[in-house]
């Protein structure tokens, strides 16, 4: 496989040409629940999941961005079925993050607007690398760290605050791509 080349082909073909434990990181937003027509492309989820597990290095991650269709007023639950399948074949569910859309497509009927998609962080073993996004902390000095023990009691411990903290697992992204494409 060449490293700096774009392959415009079925991902199963691309991955079949890769050796085992070859890739450190994958981020993808695959088609789900037949929401769109991709010119006859068939999304073979289980085959793709198994190939991802084969080609991901131990310590590597797959970020799987997915949501669910609504059929007859009920969400399909496909995203949860997929993440459970990933766990069955050996991936760990390292983190569940939310991709929050500030301006989603409006929906009609008796449902709220769909403001998010899941971003499942799937790991093969313990992740080798973690470079968190951080932000400055608001306060300095000592803080009461509370922890509820197994017996239900609340224990407090004084800890020194850090200058930075990891951000939460909800990522807010403004969707402007479709608007920009329509205005050209």
N, C-alpha and C. Protein backbone atom coordinates (compact mmCIF):
# COMPACT_ATOMS: atom_id res chain seq x y z
N UNK A 1 0.85 -1.18 0.00
CA UNK A 1 0.00 0.00 0.00
C UNK A 1 0.89 1.25 0.00
N UNK A 2 0.52 2.19 -0.81
CA UNK A 2 1.20 3.48 -0.80
C UNK A 2 0.59 4.32 0.31
N UNK A 3 1.42 5.11 0.98
CA UNK A 3 0.94 5.89 2.11
C UNK A 3 0.20 7.15 1.69
N UNK A 4 0.71 7.91 0.79
CA UNK A 4 0.12 9.21 0.47
C UNK A 4 -0.67 9.13 -0.82
N UNK A 5 -1.71 8.33 -0.81
CA UNK A 5 -2.53 8.15 -1.99
C UNK A 5 -3.98 8.02 -1.55
N UNK A 6 -4.89 8.56 -2.33
CA UNK A 6 -6.33 8.44 -2.06
C UNK A 6 -6.87 7.30 -2.89
N UNK A 7 -7.59 6.40 -2.24
CA UNK A 7 -8.21 5.27 -2.93
C UNK A 7 -9.71 5.50 -3.02
N UNK A 8 -10.24 5.60 -4.20
CA UNK A 8 -11.68 5.78 -4.40
C UNK A 8 -12.26 4.43 -4.78
N UNK A 9 -12.45 3.60 -3.75
CA UNK A 9 -12.95 2.25 -3.96
C UNK A 9 -13.66 1.78 -2.70
N UNK A 10 -14.29 0.66 -2.77
CA UNK A 10 -14.95 0.07 -1.61
C UNK A 10 -13.91 -0.15 -0.51
N UNK A 11 -14.22 0.29 0.70
CA UNK A 11 -13.26 0.19 1.80
C UNK A 11 -12.87 -1.26 2.09
N UNK A 12 -13.75 -2.22 1.79
CA UNK A 12 -13.40 -3.62 2.01
C UNK A 12 -12.25 -4.04 1.08
N UNK A 13 -12.24 -3.52 -0.13
CA UNK A 13 -11.14 -3.81 -1.06
C UNK A 13 -9.86 -3.17 -0.54
N UNK A 14 -9.96 -1.91 -0.13
CA UNK A 14 -8.78 -1.20 0.38
C UNK A 14 -8.20 -1.92 1.58
N UNK A 15 -9.06 -2.25 2.55
CA UNK A 15 -8.55 -2.90 3.76
C UNK A 15 -8.02 -4.30 3.48
N UNK A 16 -8.59 -5.00 2.50
CA UNK A 16 -8.10 -6.36 2.20
C UNK A 16 -6.65 -6.35 1.71
N UNK A 17 -6.19 -5.21 1.21
CA UNK A 17 -4.80 -5.07 0.76
C UNK A 17 -3.86 -4.63 1.87
N UNK A 18 -4.38 -4.44 3.07
CA UNK A 18 -3.56 -4.00 4.20
C UNK A 18 -3.17 -5.20 5.05
N UNK A 19 -1.97 -5.17 5.62
CA UNK A 19 -1.60 -6.24 6.55
C UNK A 19 -2.33 -6.08 7.89
N UNK A 20 -2.30 -7.11 8.69
CA UNK A 20 -2.86 -7.04 10.04
C UNK A 20 -2.14 -5.96 10.84
N UNK A 21 -2.86 -5.33 11.78
CA UNK A 21 -2.28 -4.36 12.71
C UNK A 21 -1.48 -3.28 11.97
N UNK A 22 -2.11 -2.62 11.03
CA UNK A 22 -1.45 -1.69 10.13
C UNK A 22 -1.78 -0.23 10.41
N UNK A 23 -2.98 0.06 10.90
CA UNK A 23 -3.49 1.43 11.03
C UNK A 23 -3.56 1.84 12.50
N UNK A 24 -3.17 3.08 12.80
CA UNK A 24 -3.25 3.60 14.17
C UNK A 24 -4.62 4.20 14.49
N UNK A 25 -5.25 4.85 13.48
CA UNK A 25 -6.44 5.65 13.78
C UNK A 25 -7.34 5.74 12.56
N UNK A 26 -8.63 5.57 12.78
CA UNK A 26 -9.63 5.73 11.72
C UNK A 26 -10.74 6.61 12.27
N UNK A 27 -11.18 7.58 11.49
CA UNK A 27 -12.39 8.33 11.82
C UNK A 27 -13.30 8.24 10.61
N UNK A 28 -14.55 7.86 10.83
CA UNK A 28 -15.46 7.68 9.72
C UNK A 28 -16.89 7.97 10.14
N UNK A 29 -17.66 8.41 9.18
CA UNK A 29 -19.10 8.60 9.36
C UNK A 29 -19.77 7.80 8.26
N UNK A 30 -19.96 6.51 8.50
CA UNK A 30 -20.47 5.63 7.43
C UNK A 30 -21.95 5.86 7.16
N UNK A 31 -22.42 5.40 6.00
CA UNK A 31 -23.86 5.47 5.74
C UNK A 31 -24.61 4.59 6.74
N UNK A 32 -25.78 5.00 7.13
CA UNK A 32 -26.54 4.19 8.08
C UNK A 32 -28.01 4.23 7.74
N UNK A 33 -28.66 3.12 7.99
CA UNK A 33 -30.12 2.98 7.90
C UNK A 33 -30.71 3.39 6.55
N UNK A 34 -29.94 3.28 5.48
CA UNK A 34 -30.44 3.57 4.13
C UNK A 34 -31.08 4.96 4.03
N UNK A 35 -30.55 5.92 4.77
CA UNK A 35 -31.08 7.28 4.74
C UNK A 35 -30.83 7.93 3.38
N UNK A 36 -29.69 7.61 2.76
CA UNK A 36 -29.35 8.17 1.46
C UNK A 36 -29.06 7.05 0.48
N UNK A 37 -29.18 7.36 -0.80
CA UNK A 37 -28.84 6.42 -1.85
C UNK A 37 -27.42 6.74 -2.31
N UNK A 38 -26.53 5.77 -2.19
CA UNK A 38 -25.13 5.96 -2.59
C UNK A 38 -24.85 5.21 -3.89
N UNK A 39 -25.69 5.45 -4.92
CA UNK A 39 -25.51 4.86 -6.24
C UNK A 39 -25.33 3.35 -6.20
N UNK A 40 -26.15 2.68 -5.43
CA UNK A 40 -26.14 1.23 -5.38
C UNK A 40 -25.12 0.63 -4.43
N UNK A 41 -24.33 1.45 -3.73
CA UNK A 41 -23.35 0.93 -2.78
C UNK A 41 -24.08 0.23 -1.65
N UNK A 42 -23.63 -0.96 -1.31
CA UNK A 42 -24.19 -1.72 -0.19
C UNK A 42 -23.25 -1.60 1.01
N UNK A 43 -23.77 -1.16 2.12
CA UNK A 43 -22.98 -0.99 3.34
C UNK A 43 -22.99 -2.32 4.09
N UNK A 44 -21.87 -3.03 4.02
CA UNK A 44 -21.75 -4.34 4.66
C UNK A 44 -21.10 -4.17 6.03
N UNK A 45 -21.89 -3.73 7.00
CA UNK A 45 -21.38 -3.33 8.29
C UNK A 45 -20.52 -4.39 8.96
N UNK A 46 -21.02 -5.61 9.10
CA UNK A 46 -20.28 -6.62 9.86
C UNK A 46 -18.94 -6.95 9.22
N UNK A 47 -18.89 -7.02 7.90
CA UNK A 47 -17.61 -7.27 7.21
C UNK A 47 -16.65 -6.11 7.45
N UNK A 48 -17.17 -4.89 7.37
CA UNK A 48 -16.33 -3.70 7.58
C UNK A 48 -15.80 -3.68 9.01
N UNK A 49 -16.66 -3.96 9.98
CA UNK A 49 -16.25 -3.96 11.39
C UNK A 49 -15.13 -4.99 11.62
N UNK A 50 -15.27 -6.17 11.06
CA UNK A 50 -14.26 -7.22 11.25
C UNK A 50 -12.93 -6.84 10.58
N UNK A 51 -13.01 -6.22 9.40
CA UNK A 51 -11.79 -5.77 8.73
C UNK A 51 -11.12 -4.64 9.51
N UNK A 52 -11.93 -3.73 10.06
CA UNK A 52 -11.36 -2.66 10.88
C UNK A 52 -10.60 -3.25 12.07
N UNK A 53 -11.19 -4.25 12.71
CA UNK A 53 -10.51 -4.87 13.85
C UNK A 53 -9.20 -5.52 13.41
N UNK A 54 -9.19 -6.13 12.25
CA UNK A 54 -7.98 -6.79 11.75
C UNK A 54 -6.87 -5.78 11.45
N UNK A 55 -7.21 -4.65 10.82
CA UNK A 55 -6.16 -3.72 10.36
C UNK A 55 -5.74 -2.70 11.42
N UNK A 56 -6.55 -2.50 12.45
CA UNK A 56 -6.19 -1.54 13.52
C UNK A 56 -5.10 -2.15 14.40
N UNK A 57 -4.09 -1.35 14.71
CA UNK A 57 -3.02 -1.80 15.59
C UNK A 57 -3.53 -1.93 17.02
N UNK A 58 -2.89 -2.77 17.80
CA UNK A 58 -3.18 -2.81 19.23
C UNK A 58 -2.82 -1.44 19.78
N UNK A 59 -3.74 -0.83 20.50
CA UNK A 59 -3.56 0.53 21.00
C UNK A 59 -4.16 1.57 20.07
N UNK A 60 -4.71 1.13 18.92
CA UNK A 60 -5.31 2.05 17.96
C UNK A 60 -6.77 2.31 18.24
N UNK A 61 -7.31 3.31 17.56
CA UNK A 61 -8.70 3.74 17.77
C UNK A 61 -9.46 3.87 16.46
N UNK A 62 -10.76 3.59 16.56
CA UNK A 62 -11.70 3.90 15.48
C UNK A 62 -12.73 4.85 16.07
N UNK A 63 -12.93 6.00 15.45
CA UNK A 63 -14.01 6.91 15.84
C UNK A 63 -15.12 6.69 14.84
N UNK A 64 -16.25 6.19 15.32
CA UNK A 64 -17.39 5.77 14.49
C UNK A 64 -18.51 6.78 14.73
N UNK A 65 -18.74 7.68 13.77
CA UNK A 65 -19.76 8.74 13.90
C UNK A 65 -21.03 8.24 13.23
N UNK A 66 -22.10 8.11 14.02
CA UNK A 66 -23.31 7.48 13.49
C UNK A 66 -24.54 7.96 14.26
N UNK A 67 -25.67 7.85 13.62
CA UNK A 67 -26.96 8.17 14.27
C UNK A 67 -27.96 7.12 13.81
N UNK A 68 -29.23 7.37 14.08
CA UNK A 68 -30.28 6.42 13.74
C UNK A 68 -31.35 7.08 12.89
N UNK A 69 -31.91 6.32 11.99
CA UNK A 69 -33.06 6.79 11.23
C UNK A 69 -34.30 6.67 12.12
N UNK A 70 -35.32 7.42 11.76
CA UNK A 70 -36.62 7.29 12.43
C UNK A 70 -37.58 6.67 11.43
N UNK A 71 -38.10 5.52 11.80
CA UNK A 71 -39.03 4.80 10.93
C UNK A 71 -40.32 4.56 11.70
N UNK A 72 -41.44 4.97 11.12
CA UNK A 72 -42.75 4.85 11.77
C UNK A 72 -42.74 5.42 13.19
N UNK A 73 -42.06 6.57 13.36
CA UNK A 73 -42.05 7.27 14.64
C UNK A 73 -41.11 6.69 15.68
N UNK A 74 -40.28 5.70 15.32
CA UNK A 74 -39.37 5.08 16.27
C UNK A 74 -37.95 5.08 15.72
N UNK A 75 -36.99 5.45 16.57
CA UNK A 75 -35.60 5.38 16.15
C UNK A 75 -35.19 3.91 16.03
N UNK A 76 -34.33 3.62 15.05
CA UNK A 76 -33.96 2.24 14.76
C UNK A 76 -33.07 1.59 15.81
N UNK A 77 -32.24 2.38 16.47
CA UNK A 77 -31.29 1.80 17.44
C UNK A 77 -30.08 1.17 16.76
N UNK A 78 -29.92 1.39 15.46
CA UNK A 78 -28.81 0.80 14.72
C UNK A 78 -27.46 1.19 15.32
N UNK A 79 -27.32 2.42 15.78
CA UNK A 79 -26.04 2.86 16.35
C UNK A 79 -25.65 1.99 17.54
N UNK A 80 -26.62 1.67 18.39
CA UNK A 80 -26.33 0.83 19.56
C UNK A 80 -26.04 -0.61 19.14
N UNK A 81 -26.78 -1.11 18.16
CA UNK A 81 -26.52 -2.47 17.66
C UNK A 81 -25.10 -2.56 17.10
N UNK A 82 -24.69 -1.51 16.38
CA UNK A 82 -23.35 -1.52 15.80
C UNK A 82 -22.28 -1.52 16.89
N UNK A 83 -22.41 -0.66 17.89
CA UNK A 83 -21.37 -0.59 18.91
C UNK A 83 -21.32 -1.89 19.71
N UNK A 84 -22.46 -2.54 19.92
CA UNK A 84 -22.45 -3.83 20.62
C UNK A 84 -21.77 -4.90 19.77
N UNK A 85 -21.94 -4.85 18.44
CA UNK A 85 -21.24 -5.79 17.57
C UNK A 85 -19.74 -5.55 17.63
N UNK A 86 -19.32 -4.28 17.61
CA UNK A 86 -17.89 -3.98 17.74
C UNK A 86 -17.33 -4.61 19.01
N UNK A 87 -18.07 -4.52 20.11
CA UNK A 87 -17.62 -5.12 21.37
C UNK A 87 -17.55 -6.64 21.26
N UNK A 88 -18.52 -7.25 20.59
CA UNK A 88 -18.53 -8.71 20.40
C UNK A 88 -17.28 -9.21 19.69
N UNK A 89 -16.78 -8.44 18.72
CA UNK A 89 -15.64 -8.91 17.93
C UNK A 89 -14.30 -8.51 18.55
N UNK A 90 -14.31 -7.82 19.69
CA UNK A 90 -13.06 -7.56 20.40
C UNK A 90 -12.71 -6.12 20.66
N UNK A 91 -13.41 -5.17 20.07
CA UNK A 91 -13.14 -3.77 20.36
C UNK A 91 -13.62 -3.43 21.77
N UNK A 92 -12.96 -2.48 22.41
CA UNK A 92 -13.46 -1.90 23.64
C UNK A 92 -14.17 -0.60 23.30
N UNK A 93 -15.21 -0.29 24.06
CA UNK A 93 -15.89 1.00 23.90
C UNK A 93 -15.17 1.97 24.84
N UNK A 94 -14.16 2.63 24.31
CA UNK A 94 -13.31 3.49 25.13
C UNK A 94 -14.04 4.74 25.60
N UNK A 95 -14.87 5.32 24.74
CA UNK A 95 -15.60 6.53 25.11
C UNK A 95 -16.81 6.68 24.18
N UNK A 96 -17.84 7.28 24.69
CA UNK A 96 -19.00 7.67 23.89
C UNK A 96 -19.07 9.18 23.93
N UNK A 97 -18.90 9.77 22.76
CA UNK A 97 -18.90 11.23 22.66
C UNK A 97 -20.11 11.65 21.83
N UNK A 98 -20.44 12.90 21.91
CA UNK A 98 -21.58 13.46 21.17
C UNK A 98 -21.05 14.52 20.21
N UNK A 99 -21.46 14.39 18.96
CA UNK A 99 -21.20 15.41 17.94
C UNK A 99 -22.47 16.25 17.90
N UNK A 100 -22.42 17.43 18.52
CA UNK A 100 -23.57 18.31 18.66
C UNK A 100 -23.63 19.28 17.48
N UNK A 101 -24.77 19.32 16.82
CA UNK A 101 -24.97 20.20 15.67
C UNK A 101 -25.72 21.45 16.12
N UNK A 102 -25.12 22.60 15.96
CA UNK A 102 -25.76 23.86 16.38
C UNK A 102 -26.98 24.21 15.55
N UNK A 103 -26.98 23.81 14.30
CA UNK A 103 -28.08 24.20 13.41
C UNK A 103 -28.51 22.99 12.56
N UNK A 104 -29.19 22.02 13.18
CA UNK A 104 -29.58 20.81 12.45
C UNK A 104 -30.74 21.08 11.50
N UNK A 105 -30.97 20.12 10.62
CA UNK A 105 -32.13 20.19 9.74
C UNK A 105 -33.39 20.12 10.60
N UNK A 106 -34.35 21.02 10.40
CA UNK A 106 -35.58 20.97 11.19
C UNK A 106 -36.40 19.71 10.87
N UNK A 107 -37.10 19.22 11.86
CA UNK A 107 -37.97 18.05 11.66
C UNK A 107 -39.41 18.45 11.92
N UNK A 108 -40.29 17.76 11.25
CA UNK A 108 -41.72 17.99 11.46
C UNK A 108 -42.27 16.90 12.35
N UNK A 109 -43.50 17.03 12.74
CA UNK A 109 -44.14 16.00 13.54
C UNK A 109 -43.90 16.20 15.02
N UNK A 110 -44.04 15.11 15.76
CA UNK A 110 -44.00 15.20 17.22
C UNK A 110 -42.64 14.76 17.77
N UNK A 111 -41.57 15.16 17.11
CA UNK A 111 -40.22 14.82 17.57
C UNK A 111 -39.40 16.09 17.70
N UNK A 112 -38.44 16.08 18.62
CA UNK A 112 -37.51 17.19 18.73
C UNK A 112 -36.55 17.16 17.55
N UNK A 113 -35.95 18.31 17.25
CA UNK A 113 -34.93 18.37 16.21
C UNK A 113 -33.75 17.48 16.62
N UNK A 114 -33.19 16.79 15.66
CA UNK A 114 -32.07 15.88 15.93
C UNK A 114 -30.78 16.70 15.96
N UNK A 115 -30.32 17.04 17.15
CA UNK A 115 -29.15 17.91 17.32
C UNK A 115 -27.83 17.18 17.42
N UNK A 116 -27.81 15.83 17.41
CA UNK A 116 -26.53 15.18 17.64
C UNK A 116 -26.41 13.85 16.90
N UNK A 117 -25.16 13.40 16.81
CA UNK A 117 -24.83 12.06 16.39
C UNK A 117 -23.86 11.52 17.43
N UNK A 118 -23.80 10.20 17.55
CA UNK A 118 -22.85 9.58 18.45
C UNK A 118 -21.48 9.52 17.79
N UNK A 119 -20.45 9.66 18.59
CA UNK A 119 -19.07 9.42 18.16
C UNK A 119 -18.52 8.37 19.12
N UNK A 120 -18.57 7.12 18.69
CA UNK A 120 -18.08 6.04 19.53
C UNK A 120 -16.57 5.89 19.32
N UNK A 121 -15.81 5.94 20.40
CA UNK A 121 -14.37 5.72 20.35
C UNK A 121 -14.12 4.26 20.68
N UNK A 122 -13.77 3.49 19.66
CA UNK A 122 -13.57 2.05 19.79
C UNK A 122 -12.07 1.76 19.81
N UNK A 123 -11.62 1.04 20.82
CA UNK A 123 -10.19 0.79 20.95
C UNK A 123 -9.88 -0.69 20.82
N UNK A 124 -8.71 -0.96 20.28
CA UNK A 124 -8.20 -2.33 20.23
C UNK A 124 -7.14 -2.39 21.33
N UNK A 125 -7.53 -2.88 22.49
CA UNK A 125 -6.67 -2.80 23.67
C UNK A 125 -6.76 -1.41 24.27
N UNK A 126 -5.83 -1.08 25.13
CA UNK A 126 -5.80 0.26 25.71
C UNK A 126 -5.23 1.24 24.69
N UNK A 127 -5.88 2.40 24.51
CA UNK A 127 -5.36 3.38 23.54
C UNK A 127 -3.91 3.75 23.85
N UNK A 128 -3.09 3.75 22.82
CA UNK A 128 -1.66 4.04 22.96
C UNK A 128 -1.42 5.53 23.20
N UNK A 129 -2.25 6.37 22.60
CA UNK A 129 -2.03 7.82 22.65
C UNK A 129 -3.33 8.51 23.06
N UNK A 130 -3.18 9.53 23.91
CA UNK A 130 -4.32 10.37 24.27
C UNK A 130 -3.82 11.79 24.41
N UNK A 131 -4.25 12.65 23.51
CA UNK A 131 -3.89 14.07 23.54
C UNK A 131 -5.18 14.86 23.70
N UNK A 132 -5.62 15.06 24.93
CA UNK A 132 -6.92 15.69 25.13
C UNK A 132 -6.94 17.16 24.76
N UNK A 133 -8.10 17.61 24.35
CA UNK A 133 -8.34 19.04 24.19
C UNK A 133 -8.55 19.57 25.59
N UNK A 134 -7.87 20.65 25.93
CA UNK A 134 -7.98 21.21 27.28
C UNK A 134 -8.42 22.66 27.21
N UNK A 135 -8.83 23.15 28.35
CA UNK A 135 -9.19 24.56 28.50
C UNK A 135 -8.72 25.02 29.88
N UNK A 136 -8.49 26.32 30.05
CA UNK A 136 -8.05 26.81 31.35
C UNK A 136 -9.13 26.58 32.41
N UNK A 137 -8.69 26.29 33.62
CA UNK A 137 -9.66 26.17 34.72
C UNK A 137 -10.06 27.55 35.21
N UNK A 138 -11.24 27.63 35.75
CA UNK A 138 -11.78 28.91 36.19
C UNK A 138 -11.20 29.34 37.54
N UNK A 139 -10.95 28.38 38.42
CA UNK A 139 -10.51 28.68 39.78
C UNK A 139 -9.14 28.08 40.05
N UNK A 140 -8.42 28.64 40.99
CA UNK A 140 -7.12 28.15 41.43
C UNK A 140 -7.21 27.82 42.92
N UNK A 141 -6.19 27.14 43.44
CA UNK A 141 -6.14 26.82 44.86
C UNK A 141 -6.68 25.43 45.15
N UNK A 142 -7.10 25.21 46.39
CA UNK A 142 -7.60 23.91 46.82
C UNK A 142 -9.08 23.74 46.47
N UNK A 143 -9.44 22.50 46.24
CA UNK A 143 -10.85 22.18 45.96
C UNK A 143 -11.24 20.94 46.76
N UNK A 144 -12.52 20.83 47.07
CA UNK A 144 -13.03 19.63 47.71
C UNK A 144 -13.36 18.60 46.63
N UNK A 145 -12.63 17.52 46.59
CA UNK A 145 -12.91 16.44 45.65
C UNK A 145 -13.82 15.47 46.39
N UNK A 146 -15.03 15.27 45.86
CA UNK A 146 -15.93 14.36 46.54
C UNK A 146 -16.03 13.05 45.77
N UNK A 147 -16.15 11.99 46.52
CA UNK A 147 -16.23 10.66 45.94
C UNK A 147 -17.22 9.84 46.78
N UNK A 148 -18.18 9.25 46.08
CA UNK A 148 -19.14 8.41 46.80
C UNK A 148 -18.60 6.98 46.81
N UNK A 149 -18.36 6.47 47.99
CA UNK A 149 -17.83 5.12 48.15
C UNK A 149 -18.88 4.05 47.85
N UNK A 150 -18.45 2.80 47.84
CA UNK A 150 -19.36 1.70 47.54
C UNK A 150 -20.48 1.59 48.57
N UNK A 151 -20.22 2.02 49.79
CA UNK A 151 -21.27 1.95 50.82
C UNK A 151 -22.21 3.15 50.78
N UNK A 152 -21.98 4.06 49.83
CA UNK A 152 -22.87 5.21 49.67
C UNK A 152 -22.43 6.45 50.41
N UNK A 153 -21.40 6.34 51.25
CA UNK A 153 -20.95 7.51 52.00
C UNK A 153 -20.20 8.46 51.07
N UNK A 154 -20.28 9.74 51.39
CA UNK A 154 -19.63 10.77 50.59
C UNK A 154 -18.34 11.17 51.29
N UNK A 155 -17.22 10.94 50.64
CA UNK A 155 -15.91 11.27 51.20
C UNK A 155 -15.35 12.48 50.48
N UNK A 156 -14.73 13.39 51.24
CA UNK A 156 -14.13 14.59 50.67
C UNK A 156 -12.63 14.54 50.88
N UNK A 157 -11.92 15.05 49.87
CA UNK A 157 -10.47 15.14 49.96
C UNK A 157 -10.06 16.47 49.35
N UNK A 158 -9.16 17.18 50.01
CA UNK A 158 -8.65 18.45 49.48
C UNK A 158 -7.60 18.15 48.42
N UNK A 159 -7.80 18.73 47.23
CA UNK A 159 -6.84 18.54 46.15
C UNK A 159 -6.50 19.90 45.54
N UNK A 160 -5.28 20.00 45.05
CA UNK A 160 -4.84 21.23 44.38
C UNK A 160 -5.42 21.25 42.97
N UNK A 161 -6.03 22.35 42.60
CA UNK A 161 -6.59 22.48 41.25
C UNK A 161 -5.45 22.61 40.23
N UNK A 162 -5.72 22.12 39.04
CA UNK A 162 -4.75 22.26 37.95
C UNK A 162 -5.05 23.55 37.19
N UNK A 163 -4.13 23.97 36.34
CA UNK A 163 -4.33 25.18 35.55
C UNK A 163 -5.20 24.92 34.32
N UNK A 164 -5.26 23.64 33.88
CA UNK A 164 -6.08 23.26 32.73
C UNK A 164 -6.89 22.02 33.07
N UNK A 165 -7.97 21.85 32.32
CA UNK A 165 -8.78 20.65 32.49
C UNK A 165 -9.20 20.15 31.11
N UNK A 166 -9.47 18.84 31.03
CA UNK A 166 -9.96 18.27 29.78
C UNK A 166 -11.36 18.82 29.53
N UNK A 167 -11.68 19.05 28.25
CA UNK A 167 -13.04 19.46 27.91
C UNK A 167 -13.94 18.24 28.03
N UNK A 168 -15.24 18.47 28.01
CA UNK A 168 -16.20 17.37 28.08
C UNK A 168 -16.27 16.60 26.77
N UNK A 169 -17.12 15.58 26.76
CA UNK A 169 -17.20 14.71 25.58
C UNK A 169 -18.35 15.07 24.65
N UNK A 170 -18.78 16.33 24.69
CA UNK A 170 -19.78 16.84 23.74
C UNK A 170 -19.07 17.90 22.91
N UNK A 171 -18.99 17.66 21.58
CA UNK A 171 -18.28 18.55 20.69
C UNK A 171 -19.29 19.29 19.82
N UNK A 172 -19.27 20.61 19.89
CA UNK A 172 -20.21 21.44 19.17
C UNK A 172 -19.59 21.89 17.86
N UNK A 173 -20.28 21.60 16.76
CA UNK A 173 -19.75 21.92 15.44
C UNK A 173 -20.84 22.63 14.65
N UNK A 174 -20.51 23.79 14.12
CA UNK A 174 -21.46 24.55 13.32
C UNK A 174 -21.51 23.97 11.90
N UNK A 175 -22.69 23.66 11.43
CA UNK A 175 -22.85 23.08 10.10
C UNK A 175 -23.09 24.19 9.08
N UNK A 176 -22.07 24.49 8.31
CA UNK A 176 -22.21 25.52 7.29
C UNK A 176 -21.88 25.00 5.90
N UNK A 177 -21.41 23.79 5.79
CA UNK A 177 -20.97 23.24 4.51
C UNK A 177 -22.09 23.24 3.49
N UNK A 178 -23.26 22.72 3.84
CA UNK A 178 -24.37 22.65 2.88
C UNK A 178 -24.79 24.04 2.43
N UNK A 179 -24.80 25.00 3.34
CA UNK A 179 -25.18 26.35 2.98
C UNK A 179 -24.16 26.93 2.00
N UNK A 180 -22.87 26.73 2.27
CA UNK A 180 -21.84 27.26 1.39
C UNK A 180 -21.91 26.62 0.00
N UNK A 181 -22.21 25.34 -0.06
CA UNK A 181 -22.31 24.67 -1.35
C UNK A 181 -23.48 25.22 -2.15
N UNK A 182 -24.60 25.54 -1.49
CA UNK A 182 -25.78 26.04 -2.19
C UNK A 182 -25.58 27.46 -2.69
N UNK A 183 -24.70 28.24 -2.06
CA UNK A 183 -24.53 29.65 -2.43
C UNK A 183 -23.50 29.83 -3.55
N UNK A 184 -22.79 28.78 -3.93
CA UNK A 184 -21.78 28.89 -4.99
C UNK A 184 -22.40 28.84 -6.36
